[in-house]
Amino acid sequence: MPSFSRSSLAKLKTCDPRLGAIFKAVVKHLDCIVVCGRRGMVEQEKAYLEGKSKLHYPDSSHNAEPPDLSMAVDVVPCVKGKGAVWDSRQCCVLAGYVMARAYDFGYGIRWGGDWDMDLDVNDQTFNDLVHYELVGE
């Protein structure tokens, strides 16, 4: 059974516990790596400059400041024998599983491959296929 590394668990601890619950359930069945939880100003501006985010600090869901927890997390799927894979198809497989687990818990979640949450992945102008954020209460 897959499990998170210490690094992934440490990043997940910077996130809202609901994200922790979702991804701890996901990793039991689909191997994945947490690459980013909470981002400070320097990390957010770097992500913006690299084109990985469309938002400046402090406007991203990643930008909670201690003691607050991030409402967003970036998670990359792993493929047996290949490790972390930044492949759009693998990201879609993971996203479907993540959204199903979030639904099971009763949590609203938005995926960076379907920002408007209409289940149409072809109407996006910016894809962030490793991004997940909590929505609603």
C-alpha atoms as a PDB file:
ATOM      1  CA  MET A   1       0.000   0.000   0.000  1.00  0.00           C
ATOM      2  CA  PRO A   2       1.430   3.428  -0.911  1.00  0.00           C
ATOM      3  CA  SER A   3       2.077   5.994   1.807  1.00  0.00           C
ATOM      4  CA  PHE A   4       3.350   9.536   2.042  1.00  0.00           C
ATOM      5  CA  SER A   5       7.000  10.355   2.673  1.00  0.00           C
ATOM      6  CA  ARG A   6       7.957  12.547   5.630  1.00  0.00           C
ATOM      7  CA  SER A   7       8.344  15.462   3.232  1.00  0.00           C
ATOM      8  CA  SER A   8       4.825  15.017   1.833  1.00  0.00           C
ATOM      9  CA  LEU A   9       3.366  14.686   5.340  1.00  0.00           C
ATOM     10  CA  ALA A  10       5.158  17.851   6.476  1.00  0.00           C
ATOM     11  CA  LYS A  11       3.741  19.809   3.527  1.00  0.00           C
ATOM     12  CA  LEU A  12       0.283  18.346   4.100  1.00  0.00           C
ATOM     13  CA  LYS A  13       0.401  19.520   7.733  1.00  0.00           C
ATOM     14  CA  THR A  14       0.529  23.124   6.468  1.00  0.00           C
ATOM     15  CA  CYS A  15      -2.928  22.551   4.950  1.00  0.00           C
ATOM     16  CA  ASP A  16      -6.445  22.528   6.313  1.00  0.00           C
ATOM     17  CA  PRO A  17      -7.122  19.159   8.015  1.00  0.00           C
ATOM     18  CA  ARG A  18      -9.853  18.402   5.482  1.00  0.00           C
ATOM     19  CA  LEU A  19      -7.240  18.318   2.728  1.00  0.00           C
ATOM     20  CA  GLY A  20      -5.170  16.042   4.949  1.00  0.00           C
ATOM     21  CA  ALA A  21      -8.106  13.670   5.366  1.00  0.00           C
ATOM     22  CA  ILE A  22      -8.802  13.563   1.629  1.00  0.00           C
ATOM     23  CA  PHE A  23      -5.226  12.911   0.592  1.00  0.00           C
ATOM     24  CA  LYS A  24      -4.497  10.415   3.373  1.00  0.00           C
ATOM     25  CA  ALA A  25      -7.455   8.425   2.011  1.00  0.00           C
ATOM     26  CA  VAL A  26      -6.286   8.871  -1.594  1.00  0.00           C
ATOM     27  CA  VAL A  27      -2.693   7.718  -0.997  1.00  0.00           C
ATOM     28  CA  LYS A  28      -3.916   4.393   0.366  1.00  0.00           C
ATOM     29  CA  HIS A  29      -4.972   3.511  -3.183  1.00  0.00           C
ATOM     30  CA  LEU A  30      -3.106   5.858  -5.548  1.00  0.00           C
ATOM     31  CA  ASP A  31       0.513   6.774  -4.921  1.00  0.00           C
ATOM     32  CA  CYS A  32       1.163  10.501  -4.991  1.00  0.00           C
ATOM     33  CA  ILE A  33       3.503  13.186  -3.657  1.00  0.00           C
ATOM     34  CA  VAL A  34       2.554  16.466  -1.971  1.00  0.00           C
ATOM     35  CA  VAL A  35       4.703  19.121  -3.618  1.00  0.00           C
ATOM     36  CA  CYS A  36       3.248  22.246  -2.034  1.00  0.00           C
ATOM     37  CA  GLY A  37       0.940  23.241   0.792  1.00  0.00           C
ATOM     38  CA  ARG A  38       1.132  26.693   2.354  1.00  0.00           C
ATOM     39  CA  ARG A  39       3.188  29.259   0.430  1.00  0.00           C
ATOM     40  CA  GLY A  40       4.698  32.392   1.881  1.00  0.00           C
ATOM     41  CA  MET A  41       5.231  35.589  -0.084  1.00  0.00           C
ATOM     42  CA  VAL A  42       8.567  34.552  -1.617  1.00  0.00           C
ATOM     43  CA  GLU A  43       7.277  31.153  -2.754  1.00  0.00           C
ATOM     44  CA  GLN A  44       4.057  32.613  -4.154  1.00  0.00           C
ATOM     45  CA  GLU A  45       5.815  35.317  -6.140  1.00  0.00           C
ATOM     46  CA  LYS A  46       8.228  32.711  -7.517  1.00  0.00           C
ATOM     47  CA  ALA A  47       5.282  30.528  -8.591  1.00  0.00           C
ATOM     48  CA  TYR A  48       3.709  33.583 -10.242  1.00  0.00           C
ATOM     49  CA  LEU A  49       6.914  34.550 -12.092  1.00  0.00           C
ATOM     50  CA  GLU A  50       7.377  30.956 -13.293  1.00  0.00           C
ATOM     51  CA  GLY A  51       3.814  30.887 -14.667  1.00  0.00           C
ATOM     52  CA  LYS A  52       2.728  28.236 -12.157  1.00  0.00           C
ATOM     53  CA  SER A  53       0.196  30.608 -10.601  1.00  0.00           C
ATOM     54  CA  LYS A  54      -1.934  33.430 -11.943  1.00  0.00           C
ATOM     55  CA  LEU A  55      -2.128  35.122  -8.547  1.00  0.00           C
ATOM     56  CA  HIS A  56       0.212  37.344  -6.601  1.00  0.00           C
ATOM     57  CA  TYR A  57       0.690  37.002  -2.861  1.00  0.00           C
ATOM     58  CA  PRO A  58      -1.566  37.003  -0.759  1.00  0.00           C
ATOM     59  CA  ASP A  59      -4.392  36.168  -3.178  1.00  0.00           C
ATOM     60  CA  SER A  60      -3.764  32.424  -3.679  1.00  0.00           C
ATOM     61  CA  SER A  61      -5.519  29.766  -1.619  1.00  0.00           C
ATOM     62  CA  HIS A  62      -1.981  28.582  -0.768  1.00  0.00           C
ATOM     63  CA  ASN A  63      -1.207  31.865   1.026  1.00  0.00           C
ATOM     64  CA  ALA A  64      -2.337  31.298   4.586  1.00  0.00           C
ATOM     65  CA  GLU A  65       0.016  32.704   7.179  1.00  0.00           C
ATOM     66  CA  PRO A  66       0.854  30.850  10.370  1.00  0.00           C
ATOM     67  CA  PRO A  67      -1.025  29.891  12.435  1.00  0.00           C
ATOM     68  CA  ASP A  68      -3.561  29.623   9.593  1.00  0.00           C
ATOM     69  CA  LEU A  69      -3.539  26.632   7.286  1.00  0.00           C
ATOM     70  CA  SER A  70      -3.537  26.573   3.499  1.00  0.00           C
ATOM     71  CA  MET A  71      -6.829  25.934   1.759  1.00  0.00           C
ATOM     72  CA  ALA A  72      -4.913  24.535  -1.244  1.00  0.00           C
ATOM     73  CA  VAL A  73      -2.421  21.788  -1.964  1.00  0.00           C
ATOM     74  CA  ASP A  74      -0.456  20.677  -5.020  1.00  0.00           C
ATOM     75  CA  VAL A  75      -0.156  16.910  -5.440  1.00  0.00           C
ATOM     76  CA  VAL A  76       1.588  14.955  -8.199  1.00  0.00           C
ATOM     77  CA  PRO A  77       0.617  11.395  -9.135  1.00  0.00           C
ATOM     78  CA  CYS A  78       3.188   8.606  -9.029  1.00  0.00           C
ATOM     79  CA  VAL A  79       3.300   5.758 -11.486  1.00  0.00           C
ATOM     80  CA  LYS A  80       4.760   2.407 -10.450  1.00  0.00           C
ATOM     81  CA  GLY A  81       8.355   2.227 -11.550  1.00  0.00           C
ATOM     82  CA  LYS A  82       8.417   5.850 -12.763  1.00  0.00           C
ATOM     83  CA  GLY A  83       7.910   7.903  -9.601  1.00  0.00           C
ATOM     84  CA  ALA A  84       6.278  11.336  -9.793  1.00  0.00           C
ATOM     85  CA  VAL A  85       4.707  11.952 -13.198  1.00  0.00           C
ATOM     86  CA  TRP A  86       3.679  15.373 -14.474  1.00  0.00           C
ATOM     87  CA  ASP A  87       1.556  13.810 -17.213  1.00  0.00           C
ATOM     88  CA  SER A  88      -1.856  15.337 -17.894  1.00  0.00           C
ATOM     89  CA  ARG A  89      -3.541  11.949 -18.248  1.00  0.00           C
ATOM     90  CA  GLN A  90      -2.156  10.690 -14.945  1.00  0.00           C
ATOM     91  CA  CYS A  91      -3.156  13.975 -13.301  1.00  0.00           C
ATOM     92  CA  CYS A  92      -6.720  13.462 -14.570  1.00  0.00           C
ATOM     93  CA  VAL A  93      -6.845   9.960 -13.089  1.00  0.00           C
ATOM     94  CA  LEU A  94      -5.685  11.321  -9.736  1.00  0.00           C
ATOM     95  CA  ALA A  95      -8.132  14.232  -9.906  1.00  0.00           C
ATOM     96  CA  GLY A  96     -11.111  11.956 -10.428  1.00  0.00           C
ATOM     97  CA  TYR A  97     -10.114   9.901  -7.436  1.00  0.00           C
ATOM     98  CA  VAL A  98      -9.470  12.992  -5.288  1.00  0.00           C
ATOM     99  CA  MET A  99     -12.834  14.502  -6.149  1.00  0.00           C
ATOM    100  CA  ALA A 100     -14.596  11.220  -5.342  1.00  0.00           C
ATOM    101  CA  ARG A 101     -12.881  11.008  -1.933  1.00  0.00           C
ATOM    102  CA  ALA A 102     -13.721  14.661  -1.204  1.00  0.00           C
ATOM    103  CA  TYR A 103     -17.352  13.919  -2.070  1.00  0.00           C
ATOM    104  CA  ASP A 104     -17.296  10.893   0.273  1.00  0.00           C
ATOM    105  CA  PHE A 105     -16.170  13.196   3.100  1.00  0.00           C
ATOM    106  CA  GLY A 106     -18.749  15.846   2.166  1.00  0.00           C
ATOM    107  CA  TYR A 107     -16.079  18.435   1.277  1.00  0.00           C
ATOM    108  CA  GLY A 108     -16.219  20.754  -1.704  1.00  0.00           C
ATOM    109  CA  ILE A 109     -13.024  20.731  -3.735  1.00  0.00           C
ATOM    110  CA  ARG A 110     -11.912  22.548  -6.873  1.00  0.00           C
ATOM    111  CA  TRP A 111      -9.297  21.038  -9.169  1.00  0.00           C
ATOM    112  CA  GLY A 112      -6.952  23.177 -11.265  1.00  0.00           C
ATOM    113  CA  GLY A 113      -8.056  21.335 -14.416  1.00  0.00           C
ATOM    114  CA  ASP A 114     -11.704  22.407 -13.967  1.00  0.00           C
ATOM    115  CA  TRP A 115     -11.690  25.819 -12.274  1.00  0.00           C
ATOM    116  CA  ASP A 116     -15.373  26.499 -12.946  1.00  0.00           C
ATOM    117  CA  MET A 117     -16.309  23.045 -11.632  1.00  0.00           C
ATOM    118  CA  ASP A 118     -18.599  22.270 -14.565  1.00  0.00           C
ATOM    119  CA  LEU A 119     -16.907  18.896 -15.309  1.00  0.00           C
ATOM    120  CA  ASP A 120     -15.739  20.209 -18.712  1.00  0.00           C
ATOM    121  CA  VAL A 121     -11.945  20.172 -18.765  1.00  0.00           C
ATOM    122  CA  ASN A 122     -11.806  21.675 -22.269  1.00  0.00           C
ATOM    123  CA  ASP A 123     -13.026  25.159 -21.313  1.00  0.00           C
ATOM    124  CA  GLN A 124     -10.058  26.200 -19.163  1.00  0.00           C
ATOM    125  CA  THR A 125      -7.698  29.042 -20.019  1.00  0.00           C
ATOM    126  CA  PHE A 126      -5.141  28.011 -17.378  1.00  0.00           C
ATOM    127  CA  ASN A 127      -4.472  24.446 -16.313  1.00  0.00           C
ATOM    128  CA  ASP A 128      -2.847  23.674 -12.977  1.00  0.00           C
ATOM    129  CA  LEU A 129      -3.420  19.933 -12.983  1.00  0.00           C
ATOM    130  CA  VAL A 130      -1.716  19.298  -9.636  1.00  0.00           C
ATOM    131  CA  HIS A 131      -3.720  21.941  -7.731  1.00  0.00           C
ATOM    132  CA  TYR A 132      -6.651  21.230  -5.390  1.00  0.00           C
ATOM    133  CA  GLU A 133      -8.442  23.718  -3.151  1.00  0.00           C
ATOM    134  CA  LEU A 134     -11.309  23.560  -0.699  1.00  0.00           C
ATOM    135  CA  VAL A 135     -14.462  25.460  -1.624  1.00  0.00           C
ATOM    136  CA  GLY A 136     -17.610  26.191   0.352  1.00  0.00           C
ATOM    137  CA  GLU A 137     -18.011  25.402   4.016  1.00  0.00           C
END
